[in-house]
C-alpha atoms as a PDB file:
ATOM      1  CA  MET A   1       0.000   0.000   0.000  1.00  0.00           C
ATOM      2  CA  ARG A   2       2.824   2.404   0.833  1.00  0.00           C
ATOM      3  CA  GLY A   3       4.435   1.760  -2.561  1.00  0.00           C
ATOM      4  CA  ALA A   4       1.168   2.440  -4.380  1.00  0.00           C
ATOM      5  CA  ALA A   5       0.669   5.686  -2.467  1.00  0.00           C
ATOM      6  CA  ALA A   6       4.175   6.811  -3.336  1.00  0.00           C
ATOM      7  CA  VAL A   7       3.561   6.136  -7.036  1.00  0.00           C
ATOM      8  CA  LEU A   8       0.317   8.130  -6.973  1.00  0.00           C
ATOM      9  CA  LEU A   9       2.078  11.074  -5.305  1.00  0.00           C
ATOM     10  CA  LEU A  10       4.907  10.988  -7.869  1.00  0.00           C
ATOM     11  CA  VAL A  11       2.450  10.935 -10.771  1.00  0.00           C
ATOM     12  CA  ALA A  12       0.559  13.850  -9.270  1.00  0.00           C
ATOM     13  CA  LEU A  13       3.731  15.912  -8.966  1.00  0.00           C
ATOM     14  CA  VAL A  14       4.683  15.491 -12.649  1.00  0.00           C
ATOM     15  CA  PRO A  15       3.573  18.564 -14.642  1.00  0.00           C
ATOM     16  CA  PRO A  16       0.732  17.758 -17.052  1.00  0.00           C
ATOM     17  CA  CYS A  17       2.912  18.901 -19.965  1.00  0.00           C
ATOM     18  CA  LEU A  18       5.204  15.944 -19.238  1.00  0.00           C
ATOM     19  CA  SER A  19       2.504  13.352 -18.688  1.00  0.00           C
ATOM     20  CA  GLN A  20       0.067  14.083 -21.552  1.00  0.00           C
ATOM     21  CA  GLU A  21      -0.191  15.884 -24.843  1.00  0.00           C
ATOM     22  CA  ARG A  22      -1.270  19.526 -24.688  1.00  0.00           C
ATOM     23  CA  ASP A  23      -2.622  21.558 -27.563  1.00  0.00           C
ATOM     24  CA  PRO A  24       0.102  24.183 -28.146  1.00  0.00           C
ATOM     25  CA  PHE A  25      -2.487  26.551 -29.629  1.00  0.00           C
ATOM     26  CA  ALA A  26      -5.063  26.234 -26.851  1.00  0.00           C
ATOM     27  CA  TRP A  27      -4.138  29.653 -25.524  1.00  0.00           C
ATOM     28  CA  LEU A  28      -5.516  31.211 -28.699  1.00  0.00           C
ATOM     29  CA  TYR A  29      -9.092  30.191 -28.051  1.00  0.00           C
ATOM     30  CA  SER A  30      -9.370  29.485 -24.317  1.00  0.00           C
ATOM     31  CA  PRO A  31     -10.240  32.182 -21.724  1.00  0.00           C
ATOM     32  CA  ARG A  32      -7.040  33.386 -20.053  1.00  0.00           C
ATOM     33  CA  GLY A  33      -7.986  36.439 -18.028  1.00  0.00           C
ATOM     34  CA  HIS A  34      -5.205  36.871 -15.441  1.00  0.00           C
ATOM     35  CA  GLY A  35      -6.511  36.822 -11.913  1.00  0.00           C
ATOM     36  CA  PHE A  36      -9.795  35.114 -12.839  1.00  0.00           C
ATOM     37  CA  LEU A  37     -10.441  31.987 -10.782  1.00  0.00           C
ATOM     38  CA  ARG A  38     -12.605  29.090 -11.902  1.00  0.00           C
ATOM     39  CA  ALA A  39     -13.670  26.067  -9.873  1.00  0.00           C
ATOM     40  CA  ASP A  40     -11.997  22.773 -10.725  1.00  0.00           C
ATOM     41  CA  SER A  41     -13.897  19.464 -10.618  1.00  0.00           C
ATOM     42  CA  ALA A  42     -12.936  19.035  -6.960  1.00  0.00           C
ATOM     43  CA  GLY A  43     -14.524  22.353  -6.060  1.00  0.00           C
ATOM     44  CA  GLY A  44     -11.330  24.313  -5.445  1.00  0.00           C
ATOM     45  CA  GLU A  45     -10.430  27.531  -7.181  1.00  0.00           C
ATOM     46  CA  CYS A  46      -7.916  27.503 -10.021  1.00  0.00           C
ATOM     47  CA  PRO A  47      -6.801  30.273 -12.426  1.00  0.00           C
ATOM     48  CA  GLU A  48      -8.027  29.850 -15.999  1.00  0.00           C
ATOM     49  CA  GLU A  49      -4.476  29.913 -17.320  1.00  0.00           C
ATOM     50  CA  CYS A  50      -3.311  27.040 -15.081  1.00  0.00           C
ATOM     51  CA  ASP A  51      -4.140  23.418 -14.290  1.00  0.00           C
ATOM     52  CA  CYS A  52      -5.030  22.177 -10.804  1.00  0.00           C
ATOM     53  CA  PRO A  53      -5.418  18.379 -10.971  1.00  0.00           C
ATOM     54  CA  PRO A  54      -8.297  17.084  -8.831  1.00  0.00           C
ATOM     55  CA  THR A  55      -6.082  14.131  -7.926  1.00  0.00           C
ATOM     56  CA  PHE A  56      -3.555  16.528  -6.378  1.00  0.00           C
ATOM     57  CA  PRO A  57      -5.463  19.703  -5.473  1.00  0.00           C
ATOM     58  CA  VAL A  58      -2.519  21.391  -3.697  1.00  0.00           C
ATOM     59  CA  ALA A  59      -0.488  21.608  -6.926  1.00  0.00           C
ATOM     60  CA  MET A  60      -0.924  24.298  -9.596  1.00  0.00           C
ATOM     61  CA  TYR A  61       0.698  23.927 -13.012  1.00  0.00           C
ATOM     62  CA  CYS A  62       1.190  27.160 -14.931  1.00  0.00           C
ATOM     63  CA  ASP A  63       4.427  26.218 -16.694  1.00  0.00           C
ATOM     64  CA  GLY A  64       4.999  27.042 -20.344  1.00  0.00           C
ATOM     65  CA  ARG A  65       1.823  29.119 -20.799  1.00  0.00           C
ATOM     66  CA  GLY A  66       3.354  32.333 -22.102  1.00  0.00           C
ATOM     67  CA  LEU A  67       2.437  34.188 -18.893  1.00  0.00           C
ATOM     68  CA  THR A  68       3.838  37.693 -18.447  1.00  0.00           C
ATOM     69  CA  ALA A  69       2.329  38.298 -14.993  1.00  0.00           C
ATOM     70  CA  MET A  70       1.706  36.275 -11.856  1.00  0.00           C
ATOM     71  CA  PRO A  71      -1.599  34.362 -11.749  1.00  0.00           C
ATOM     72  CA  SER A  72      -3.863  34.405  -8.700  1.00  0.00           C
ATOM     73  CA  ILE A  73      -2.718  31.770  -6.218  1.00  0.00           C
ATOM     74  CA  PRO A  74      -5.327  29.970  -4.082  1.00  0.00           C
ATOM     75  CA  ALA A  75      -4.310  29.677  -0.431  1.00  0.00           C
ATOM     76  CA  ARG A  76      -4.392  25.870  -0.471  1.00  0.00           C
ATOM     77  CA  MET A  77      -1.487  25.570  -2.909  1.00  0.00           C
ATOM     78  CA  LYS A  78       1.757  23.908  -1.818  1.00  0.00           C
ATOM     79  CA  TYR A  79       3.397  23.211  -5.177  1.00  0.00           C
ATOM     80  CA  LEU A  80       3.488  25.985  -7.784  1.00  0.00           C
ATOM     81  CA  TYR A  81       5.011  25.507 -11.228  1.00  0.00           C
ATOM     82  CA  LEU A  82       5.607  28.763 -13.113  1.00  0.00           C
ATOM     83  CA  GLN A  83       8.739  27.889 -15.082  1.00  0.00           C
ATOM     84  CA  ASN A  84       9.220  28.589 -18.794  1.00  0.00           C
ATOM     85  CA  ASN A  85       7.093  31.716 -19.012  1.00  0.00           C
ATOM     86  CA  ALA A  86       7.841  35.418 -19.509  1.00  0.00           C
ATOM     87  CA  ILE A  87       6.916  36.677 -16.044  1.00  0.00           C
ATOM     88  CA  ARG A  88       8.670  39.965 -15.317  1.00  0.00           C
ATOM     89  CA  ALA A  89       7.628  40.793 -11.750  1.00  0.00           C
ATOM     90  CA  VAL A  90       6.666  39.278  -8.396  1.00  0.00           C
ATOM     91  CA  PRO A  91       4.923  42.062  -6.449  1.00  0.00           C
ATOM     92  CA  ASP A  92       4.182  41.544  -2.758  1.00  0.00           C
ATOM     93  CA  SER A  93       0.471  41.467  -3.550  1.00  0.00           C
ATOM     94  CA  ALA A  94       0.881  38.443  -5.833  1.00  0.00           C
ATOM     95  CA  MET A  95       2.005  36.280  -2.919  1.00  0.00           C
ATOM     96  CA  VAL A  96      -0.494  37.341  -0.252  1.00  0.00           C
ATOM     97  CA  ASN A  97      -2.290  33.967  -0.342  1.00  0.00           C
ATOM     98  CA  ALA A  98       0.810  31.874  -1.080  1.00  0.00           C
ATOM     99  CA  THR A  99       1.805  31.305   2.537  1.00  0.00           C
ATOM    100  CA  ASN A 100       1.547  27.495   2.329  1.00  0.00           C
ATOM    101  CA  LEU A 101       3.910  26.977  -0.585  1.00  0.00           C
ATOM    102  CA  VAL A 102       6.527  24.234  -0.247  1.00  0.00           C
ATOM    103  CA  TRP A 103       7.857  24.306  -3.811  1.00  0.00           C
ATOM    104  CA  LEU A 104       8.014  27.418  -6.003  1.00  0.00           C
ATOM    105  CA  LEU A 105       9.512  26.923  -9.445  1.00  0.00           C
ATOM    106  CA  MET A 106      10.036  30.121 -11.450  1.00  0.00           C
ATOM    107  CA  GLN A 107      13.098  29.313 -13.552  1.00  0.00           C
ATOM    108  CA  HIS A 108      13.303  30.484 -17.170  1.00  0.00           C
ATOM    109  CA  ASN A 109      11.311  33.693 -16.810  1.00  0.00           C
ATOM    110  CA  GLN A 110      12.268  37.375 -17.132  1.00  0.00           C
ATOM    111  CA  LEU A 111      12.373  38.422 -13.489  1.00  0.00           C
ATOM    112  CA  ALA A 112      14.324  41.571 -12.624  1.00  0.00           C
ATOM    113  CA  SER A 113      15.431  42.341  -9.063  1.00  0.00           C
ATOM    114  CA  ASP A 114      13.712  45.727  -8.951  1.00  0.00           C
ATOM    115  CA  ALA A 115      10.429  44.038  -9.856  1.00  0.00           C
ATOM    116  CA  VAL A 116      10.554  41.492  -6.999  1.00  0.00           C
ATOM    117  CA  GLY A 117       8.819  42.766  -3.876  1.00  0.00           C
ATOM    118  CA  GLU A 118      10.783  43.124  -0.642  1.00  0.00           C
ATOM    119  CA  GLN A 119       8.228  40.909   1.122  1.00  0.00           C
ATOM    120  CA  ALA A 120       7.289  38.678  -1.802  1.00  0.00           C
ATOM    121  CA  PHE A 121       8.700  35.500  -0.212  1.00  0.00           C
ATOM    122  CA  ALA A 122       8.795  36.538   3.445  1.00  0.00           C
ATOM    123  CA  LYS A 123       5.586  34.841   4.609  1.00  0.00           C
ATOM    124  CA  MET A 124       6.294  31.448   3.034  1.00  0.00           C
ATOM    125  CA  GLN A 125       7.503  29.915   6.267  1.00  0.00           C
ATOM    126  CA  GLY A 126       7.292  26.349   4.929  1.00  0.00           C
ATOM    127  CA  LEU A 127       9.023  26.954   1.586  1.00  0.00           C
ATOM    128  CA  ASP A 128      11.528  24.185   0.882  1.00  0.00           C
ATOM    129  CA  ARG A 129      12.549  24.741  -2.762  1.00  0.00           C
ATOM    130  CA  LEU A 130      12.869  28.015  -4.638  1.00  0.00           C
ATOM    131  CA  TYR A 131      14.047  27.866  -8.249  1.00  0.00           C
ATOM    132  CA  LEU A 132      14.836  31.245  -9.804  1.00  0.00           C
ATOM    133  CA  HIS A 133      17.566  30.263 -12.243  1.00  0.00           C
ATOM    134  CA  HIS A 134      17.676  31.638 -15.788  1.00  0.00           C
ATOM    135  CA  ASN A 135      16.187  35.041 -15.000  1.00  0.00           C
ATOM    136  CA  ASN A 136      17.552  38.616 -14.961  1.00  0.00           C
ATOM    137  CA  LEU A 137      18.194  39.034 -11.234  1.00  0.00           C
ATOM    138  CA  THR A 138      21.081  41.275 -10.180  1.00  0.00           C
ATOM    139  CA  ARG A 139      20.882  40.402  -6.487  1.00  0.00           C
ATOM    140  CA  ILE A 140      19.468  37.707  -4.226  1.00  0.00           C
ATOM    141  CA  PRO A 141      15.834  38.490  -3.343  1.00  0.00           C
ATOM    142  CA  ALA A 142      15.279  39.993   0.095  1.00  0.00           C
ATOM    143  CA  ASN A 143      13.715  38.296   3.106  1.00  0.00           C
ATOM    144  CA  LEU A 144      13.901  34.709   1.889  1.00  0.00           C
ATOM    145  CA  PRO A 145      12.370  32.302   4.434  1.00  0.00           C
ATOM    146  CA  GLY A 146      14.652  30.399   6.771  1.00  0.00           C
ATOM    147  CA  SER A 147      12.901  27.146   5.881  1.00  0.00           C
ATOM    148  CA  LEU A 148      14.573  26.956   2.454  1.00  0.00           C
ATOM    149  CA  ARG A 149      16.723  23.909   1.784  1.00  0.00           C
ATOM    150  CA  ASP A 150      17.237  24.183  -1.982  1.00  0.00           C
ATOM    151  CA  LEU A 151      17.884  27.597  -3.594  1.00  0.00           C
ATOM    152  CA  ARG A 152      18.806  27.896  -7.271  1.00  0.00           C
ATOM    153  CA  LEU A 153      19.892  31.278  -8.600  1.00  0.00           C
ATOM    154  CA  ASN A 154      22.253  30.238 -11.355  1.00  0.00           C
ATOM    155  CA  HIS A 155      22.276  31.905 -14.779  1.00  0.00           C
ATOM    156  CA  ASN A 156      21.279  35.354 -13.571  1.00  0.00           C
ATOM    157  CA  LYS A 157      23.249  38.619 -13.385  1.00  0.00           C
ATOM    158  CA  ILE A 158      24.095  38.682  -9.683  1.00  0.00           C
ATOM    159  CA  GLU A 159      27.312  40.619  -8.995  1.00  0.00           C
ATOM    160  CA  LYS A 160      27.639  40.540  -5.215  1.00  0.00           C
ATOM    161  CA  VAL A 161      26.428  38.422  -2.309  1.00  0.00           C
ATOM    162  CA  VAL A 162      26.163  40.097   1.093  1.00  0.00           C
ATOM    163  CA  PRO A 163      25.603  38.426   4.496  1.00  0.00           C
ATOM    164  CA  ALA A 164      22.194  40.035   5.060  1.00  0.00           C
ATOM    165  CA  GLU A 165      20.779  38.143   2.079  1.00  0.00           C
ATOM    166  CA  LEU A 166      21.548  34.722   3.566  1.00  0.00           C
ATOM    167  CA  ASP A 167      21.808  35.254   7.317  1.00  0.00           C
ATOM    168  CA  GLN A 168      18.499  33.577   8.171  1.00  0.00           C
ATOM    169  CA  MET A 169      19.033  30.475   6.043  1.00  0.00           C
ATOM    170  CA  GLU A 170      20.521  27.980   8.460  1.00  0.00           C
ATOM    171  CA  ASN A 171      18.514  25.109   6.893  1.00  0.00           C
ATOM    172  CA  LEU A 172      19.836  25.622   3.367  1.00  0.00           C
ATOM    173  CA  THR A 173      21.618  22.521   2.016  1.00  0.00           C
ATOM    174  CA  ILE A 174      21.933  23.343  -1.718  1.00  0.00           C
ATOM    175  CA  LEU A 175      22.943  26.698  -3.202  1.00  0.00           C
ATOM    176  CA  TYR A 176      23.415  27.152  -6.934  1.00  0.00           C
ATOM    177  CA  LEU A 177      24.950  30.507  -7.859  1.00  0.00           C
ATOM    178  CA  HIS A 178      26.921  29.449 -10.901  1.00  0.00           C
ATOM    179  CA  ASP A 179      26.996  31.439 -14.146  1.00  0.00           C
ATOM    180  CA  ASN A 180      26.433  34.855 -12.647  1.00  0.00           C
ATOM    181  CA  ALA A 181      28.834  37.809 -12.357  1.00  0.00           C
ATOM    182  CA  VAL A 182      29.764  37.502  -8.668  1.00  0.00           C
ATOM    183  CA  THR A 183      33.045  39.194  -7.740  1.00  0.00           C
ATOM    184  CA  ASP A 184      32.772  39.070  -3.960  1.00  0.00           C
ATOM    185  CA  MET A 185      30.947  36.930  -1.399  1.00  0.00           C
ATOM    186  CA  GLY A 186      32.472  38.352   1.775  1.00  0.00           C
ATOM    187  CA  THR A 187      31.419  36.265   4.773  1.00  0.00           C
ATOM    188  CA  SER A 188      27.921  35.654   3.408  1.00  0.00           C
ATOM    189  CA  LEU A 189      28.257  31.863   3.764  1.00  0.00           C
ATOM    190  CA  LYS A 190      28.932  31.953   7.491  1.00  0.00           C
ATOM    191  CA  ALA A 191      25.283  31.499   8.497  1.00  0.00           C
ATOM    192  CA  LEU A 192      24.667  28.521   6.191  1.00  0.00           C
ATOM    193  CA  LYS A 193      25.336  25.876   8.821  1.00  0.00           C
ATOM    194  CA  SER A 194      23.600  23.068   6.910  1.00  0.00           C
ATOM    195  CA  LEU A 195      25.011  23.760   3.446  1.00  0.00           C
ATOM    196  CA  VAL A 196      26.187  20.591   1.693  1.00  0.00           C
ATOM    197  CA  LEU A 197      26.587  21.739  -1.931  1.00  0.00           C
ATOM    198  CA  LEU A 198      27.872  25.117  -3.121  1.00  0.00           C
ATOM    199  CA  ASP A 199      28.262  25.879  -6.817  1.00  0.00           C
ATOM    200  CA  VAL A 200      29.728  29.292  -7.650  1.00  0.00           C
ATOM    201  CA  SER A 201      31.449  28.280 -10.868  1.00  0.00           C
ATOM    202  CA  GLY A 202      31.315  30.572 -13.868  1.00  0.00           C
ATOM    203  CA  ASN A 203      31.632  33.825 -11.928  1.00  0.00           C
ATOM    204  CA  HIS A 204      34.387  36.457 -11.491  1.00  0.00           C
ATOM    205  CA  LEU A 205      35.783  35.382  -8.127  1.00  0.00           C
ATOM    206  CA  LYS A 206      39.485  36.038  -7.503  1.00  0.00           C
ATOM    207  CA  THR A 207      39.640  34.259  -4.147  1.00  0.00           C
ATOM    208  CA  VAL A 208      38.059  31.216  -2.534  1.00  0.00           C
ATOM    209  CA  PRO A 209      34.906  32.284  -0.631  1.00  0.00           C
ATOM    210  CA  LYS A 210      35.512  32.908   3.071  1.00  0.00           C
ATOM    211  CA  ALA A 211      33.844  31.173   6.013  1.00  0.00           C
ATOM    212  CA  LEU A 212      32.922  27.986   4.148  1.00  0.00           C
ATOM    213  CA  PRO A 213      30.300  26.016   6.146  1.00  0.00           C
ATOM    214  CA  GLY A 214      31.649  23.065   8.103  1.00  0.00           C
ATOM    215  CA  GLU A 215      29.096  20.605   6.676  1.00  0.00           C
ATOM    216  CA  LEU A 216      30.036  21.309   3.053  1.00  0.00           C
ATOM    217  CA  HIS A 217      30.527  18.151   0.937  1.00  0.00           C
ATOM    218  CA  GLN A 218      30.789  19.565  -2.587  1.00  0.00           C
ATOM    219  CA  LEU A 219      32.487  22.794  -3.680  1.00  0.00           C
ATOM    220  CA  TYR A 220      32.447  23.916  -7.299  1.00  0.00           C
ATOM    221  CA  LEU A 221      34.644  26.885  -8.227  1.00  0.00           C
ATOM    222  CA  GLU A 222      35.378  26.233 -11.904  1.00  0.00           C
ATOM    223  CA  SER A 223      35.725  29.040 -14.440  1.00  0.00           C
ATOM    224  CA  ASN A 224      36.582  31.923 -12.126  1.00  0.00           C
ATOM    225  CA  ALA A 225      39.775  34.006 -11.819  1.00  0.00           C
ATOM    226  CA  ILE A 226      41.203  32.438  -8.648  1.00  0.00           C
ATOM    227  CA  ASP A 227      45.013  32.469  -8.542  1.00  0.00           C
ATOM    228  CA  THR A 228      45.688  31.516  -4.908  1.00  0.00           C
ATOM    229  CA  VAL A 229      44.102  29.370  -2.208  1.00  0.00           C
ATOM    230  CA  PRO A 230      44.462  29.722   1.569  1.00  0.00           C
ATOM    231  CA  GLU A 231      46.646  27.022   3.106  1.00  0.00           C
ATOM    232  CA  ASP A 232      44.110  26.029   5.739  1.00  0.00           C
ATOM    233  CA  PHE A 233      40.819  26.556   3.925  1.00  0.00           C
ATOM    234  CA  LEU A 234      40.128  22.787   3.811  1.00  0.00           C
ATOM    235  CA  ALA A 235      40.916  22.382   7.500  1.00  0.00           C
ATOM    236  CA  HIS A 236      37.648  24.132   8.374  1.00  0.00           C
ATOM    237  CA  VAL A 237      35.520  21.902   6.123  1.00  0.00           C
ATOM    238  CA  PRO A 238      36.276  18.343   7.306  1.00  0.00           C
ATOM    239  CA  GLN A 239      33.269  16.916   5.438  1.00  0.00           C
ATOM    240  CA  LEU A 240      34.409  18.236   2.055  1.00  0.00           C
ATOM    241  CA  GLN A 241      34.869  15.437  -0.490  1.00  0.00           C
ATOM    242  CA  TYR A 242      34.660  17.089  -3.925  1.00  0.00           C
ATOM    243  CA  VAL A 243      36.608  20.213  -4.947  1.00  0.00           C
ATOM    244  CA  ARG A 244      36.536  21.414  -8.527  1.00  0.00           C
ATOM    245  CA  MET A 245      38.701  24.398  -9.480  1.00  0.00           C
ATOM    246  CA  ALA A 246      39.271  23.860 -13.188  1.00  0.00           C
ATOM    247  CA  HIS A 247      39.637  26.845 -15.524  1.00  0.00           C
ATOM    248  CA  ASN A 248      41.119  29.298 -13.023  1.00  0.00           C
ATOM    249  CA  GLN A 249      44.507  31.065 -12.784  1.00  0.00           C
ATOM    250  CA  LEU A 250      46.200  28.815 -10.219  1.00  0.00           C
ATOM    251  CA  THR A 251      50.001  28.650 -10.127  1.00  0.00           C
ATOM    252  CA  ASP A 252      52.418  26.696  -7.963  1.00  0.00           C
ATOM    253  CA  LYS A 253      53.068  29.789  -5.865  1.00  0.00           C
ATOM    254  CA  GLY A 254      49.379  30.170  -5.230  1.00  0.00           C
ATOM    255  CA  ILE A 255      48.996  26.726  -3.634  1.00  0.00           C
ATOM    256  CA  PRO A 256      50.737  26.268  -0.236  1.00  0.00           C
ATOM    257  CA  ARG A 257      52.408  22.870   0.089  1.00  0.00           C
ATOM    258  CA  ASN A 258      49.851  21.005   2.228  1.00  0.00           C
ATOM    259  CA  THR A 259      46.668  22.681   1.040  1.00  0.00           C
ATOM    260  CA  PHE A 260      45.245  19.555  -0.606  1.00  0.00           C
ATOM    261  CA  ASN A 261      46.988  17.002   1.601  1.00  0.00           C
ATOM    262  CA  VAL A 262      43.847  16.282   3.617  1.00  0.00           C
ATOM    263  CA  SER A 263      42.376  12.851   4.169  1.00  0.00           C
ATOM    264  CA  GLY A 264      38.727  13.660   3.498  1.00  0.00           C
ATOM    265  CA  LEU A 265      39.015  14.577  -0.189  1.00  0.00           C
ATOM    266  CA  VAL A 266      37.739  12.055  -2.732  1.00  0.00           C
ATOM    267  CA  GLU A 267      37.957  14.121  -5.931  1.00  0.00           C
ATOM    268  CA  LEU A 268      40.140  17.125  -6.836  1.00  0.00           C
ATOM    269  CA  ASP A 269      39.964  18.885 -10.194  1.00  0.00           C
ATOM    270  CA  LEU A 270      42.715  21.433 -10.914  1.00  0.00           C
ATOM    271  CA  SER A 271      42.702  21.054 -14.692  1.00  0.00           C
ATOM    272  CA  PHE A 272      43.119  23.985 -17.078  1.00  0.00           C
ATOM    273  CA  ASN A 273      45.248  26.116 -14.757  1.00  0.00           C
ATOM    274  CA  LYS A 274      48.923  27.184 -14.810  1.00  0.00           C
ATOM    275  CA  LEU A 275      50.547  24.573 -12.575  1.00  0.00           C
ATOM    276  CA  GLU A 276      54.107  23.461 -13.346  1.00  0.00           C
ATOM    277  CA  ARG A 277      54.301  20.670 -10.798  1.00  0.00           C
ATOM    278  CA  ILE A 278      51.972  18.113  -9.271  1.00  0.00           C
ATOM    279  CA  PRO A 279      50.667  19.356  -5.897  1.00  0.00           C
ATOM    280  CA  LEU A 280      51.013  17.237  -2.781  1.00  0.00           C
ATOM    281  CA  VAL A 281      47.828  15.202  -2.172  1.00  0.00           C
ATOM    282  CA  SER A 282      46.696  12.689   0.418  1.00  0.00           C
ATOM    283  CA  THR A 283      47.061   8.947  -0.184  1.00  0.00           C
ATOM    284  CA  THR A 284      43.286   8.676   0.350  1.00  0.00           C
ATOM    285  CA  LEU A 285      42.442  10.818  -2.710  1.00  0.00           C
ATOM    286  CA  GLU A 286      40.694   8.740  -5.408  1.00  0.00           C
ATOM    287  CA  HIS A 287      40.376  11.044  -8.438  1.00  0.00           C
ATOM    288  CA  LEU A 288      42.826  13.752  -9.531  1.00  0.00           C
ATOM    289  CA  TYR A 289      42.447  15.863 -12.661  1.00  0.00           C
ATOM    290  CA  LEU A 290      45.485  17.912 -13.730  1.00  0.00           C
ATOM    291  CA  GLN A 291      45.117  17.964 -17.508  1.00  0.00           C
ATOM    292  CA  ALA A 292      45.912  21.092 -19.531  1.00  0.00           C
ATOM    293  CA  ASN A 293      48.422  22.643 -17.123  1.00  0.00           C
ATOM    294  CA  GLN A 294      52.163  23.244 -17.637  1.00  0.00           C
ATOM    295  CA  ILE A 295      53.504  20.329 -15.571  1.00  0.00           C
ATOM    296  CA  LYS A 296      57.051  19.375 -16.547  1.00  0.00           C
ATOM    297  CA  GLU A 297      57.882  16.560 -14.113  1.00  0.00           C
ATOM    298  CA  PHE A 298      56.168  13.483 -12.694  1.00  0.00           C
ATOM    299  CA  THR A 299      56.908  13.679  -8.950  1.00  0.00           C
ATOM    300  CA  LEU A 300      55.972  10.412  -7.288  1.00  0.00           C
ATOM    301  CA  GLY A 301      56.420  12.055  -3.884  1.00  0.00           C
ATOM    302  CA  SER A 302      53.257  14.047  -4.567  1.00  0.00           C
ATOM    303  CA  PHE A 303      51.320  10.804  -4.051  1.00  0.00           C
ATOM    304  CA  CYS A 304      53.465   8.623  -1.759  1.00  0.00           C
ATOM    305  CA  ASN A 305      55.999   9.633   0.891  1.00  0.00           C
ATOM    306  CA  VAL A 306      57.230   6.054   1.088  1.00  0.00           C
ATOM    307  CA  VAL A 307      57.033   3.591  -1.787  1.00  0.00           C
ATOM    308  CA  ASP A 308      56.783  -0.076  -0.732  1.00  0.00           C
ATOM    309  CA  VAL A 309      54.314  -2.942  -0.606  1.00  0.00           C
ATOM    310  CA  THR A 310      52.278  -1.557   2.292  1.00  0.00           C
ATOM    311  CA  ASN A 311      52.312   2.152   1.477  1.00  0.00           C
ATOM    312  CA  PHE A 312      50.381   3.196  -1.589  1.00  0.00           C
ATOM    313  CA  SER A 313      47.891   5.710  -2.929  1.00  0.00           C
ATOM    314  CA  LYS A 314      44.183   4.998  -3.352  1.00  0.00           C
ATOM    315  CA  LEU A 315      44.179   7.060  -6.535  1.00  0.00           C
ATOM    316  CA  GLN A 316      41.995   5.446  -9.225  1.00  0.00           C
ATOM    317  CA  THR A 317      41.920   8.275 -11.791  1.00  0.00           C
ATOM    318  CA  LEU A 318      44.915  10.421 -12.737  1.00  0.00           C
ATOM    319  CA  ARG A 319      44.796  12.735 -15.744  1.00  0.00           C
ATOM    320  CA  LEU A 320      47.955  14.516 -16.804  1.00  0.00           C
ATOM    321  CA  ASP A 321      47.296  14.861 -20.521  1.00  0.00           C
ATOM    322  CA  GLY A 322      47.900  18.248 -22.089  1.00  0.00           C
ATOM    323  CA  ASN A 323      51.027  18.898 -19.989  1.00  0.00           C
ATOM    324  CA  GLU A 324      54.748  18.813 -20.803  1.00  0.00           C
ATOM    325  CA  ILE A 325      55.438  15.214 -19.795  1.00  0.00           C
ATOM    326  CA  SER A 326      55.118  11.876 -21.563  1.00  0.00           C
ATOM    327  CA  GLN A 327      54.700   8.227 -20.639  1.00  0.00           C
ATOM    328  CA  GLN A 328      58.480   7.870 -20.439  1.00  0.00           C
ATOM    329  CA  ASP A 329      58.589  10.388 -17.593  1.00  0.00           C
ATOM    330  CA  ILE A 330      56.589   8.130 -15.276  1.00  0.00           C
ATOM    331  CA  PRO A 331      59.029   6.300 -12.927  1.00  0.00           C
ATOM    332  CA  THR A 332      58.837   2.528 -12.630  1.00  0.00           C
ATOM    333  CA  GLU A 333      58.115   2.811  -8.890  1.00  0.00           C
ATOM    334  CA  SER A 334      54.704   4.264  -9.752  1.00  0.00           C
ATOM    335  CA  ALA A 335      53.437   0.715 -10.261  1.00  0.00           C
ATOM    336  CA  LEU A 336      53.676   0.237  -6.483  1.00  0.00           C
ATOM    337  CA  CYS A 337      52.563   3.682  -5.365  1.00  0.00           C
ATOM    338  CA  LEU A 338      49.706   4.037  -7.864  1.00  0.00           C
ATOM    339  CA  ARG A 339      48.682   0.388  -8.007  1.00  0.00           C
ATOM    340  CA  ARG A 340      44.954   1.228  -7.933  1.00  0.00           C
ATOM    341  CA  ALA A 341      45.095   3.629 -10.859  1.00  0.00           C
ATOM    342  CA  ALA A 342      43.552   1.799 -13.801  1.00  0.00           C
ATOM    343  CA  ASN A 343      45.082   4.241 -16.268  1.00  0.00           C
ATOM    344  CA  ILE A 344      47.380   7.249 -16.043  1.00  0.00           C
ATOM    345  CA  GLU A 345      46.640   9.605 -18.919  1.00  0.00           C
ATOM    346  CA  VAL A 346      49.601  11.680 -20.075  1.00  0.00           C
END
């Protein structure tokens, strides 16, 4: 019975546009007056331009309807799908009844920061997911509820992140800020005590963000302008397993000797930088990507302090292609040290 109930809930959550054919020209001849509410077959109100399935009356599907303004939102709604429209504004008045929302999906619209009300999201005290990626936001919306666990703001035009925008979000576990224009994050991450995944790749950062949360597992910093890393920045994030810093400006001088020699790391990506030597890494590291640098020497000591039968690296993946070394530069002792590496690409 529990399995059947779970299947019914999953089916109900799938937007109608994914589960059945929809007439793409229906909007031409169906009534679409914004703000007008009709009764669905279950007796609840539903805007003409949206679908409210009787089988799941707390969900409202308004995705891909060509909307330019917010529809009226009945107070019972918990799941609101507004993605793939042309909505330009979220005034405070549009969200007066939306206090019970758990999911709000508004990605792929035309939202501008000045058109998002200061209190638009403030009263949604149970909001769990907020998707605002692929819009025209220049800053993080104000007064986001502390209940949020998944916030997606990637592919906007955000230039700066300040602590006041995130200081109430201690439940946040996922934060996507990649592909914006962020140059500075200050100490804005300090309050995010539950954060597990942070993606700020594709921005204009010159330094690693400060005050990384201690629970962080995944850190994505690719495609920025970072040229140095603090020696102890991984010491404060003992749970961190995945670090990706490809396509930056890292040099040997910018990486203190023991920066990446920490036992918790599983994957480290430093490809497409300006390194001339292999950095020192822990024997517990499993995947290391160093392709497209300027490395001139294969230093076995970067992986193993002692090379014998009992001391070896757990490295499974090692990419060194696109550097200034060849297969002949790999010492014979590497067969002992790197015995778990299925293939070393040079």
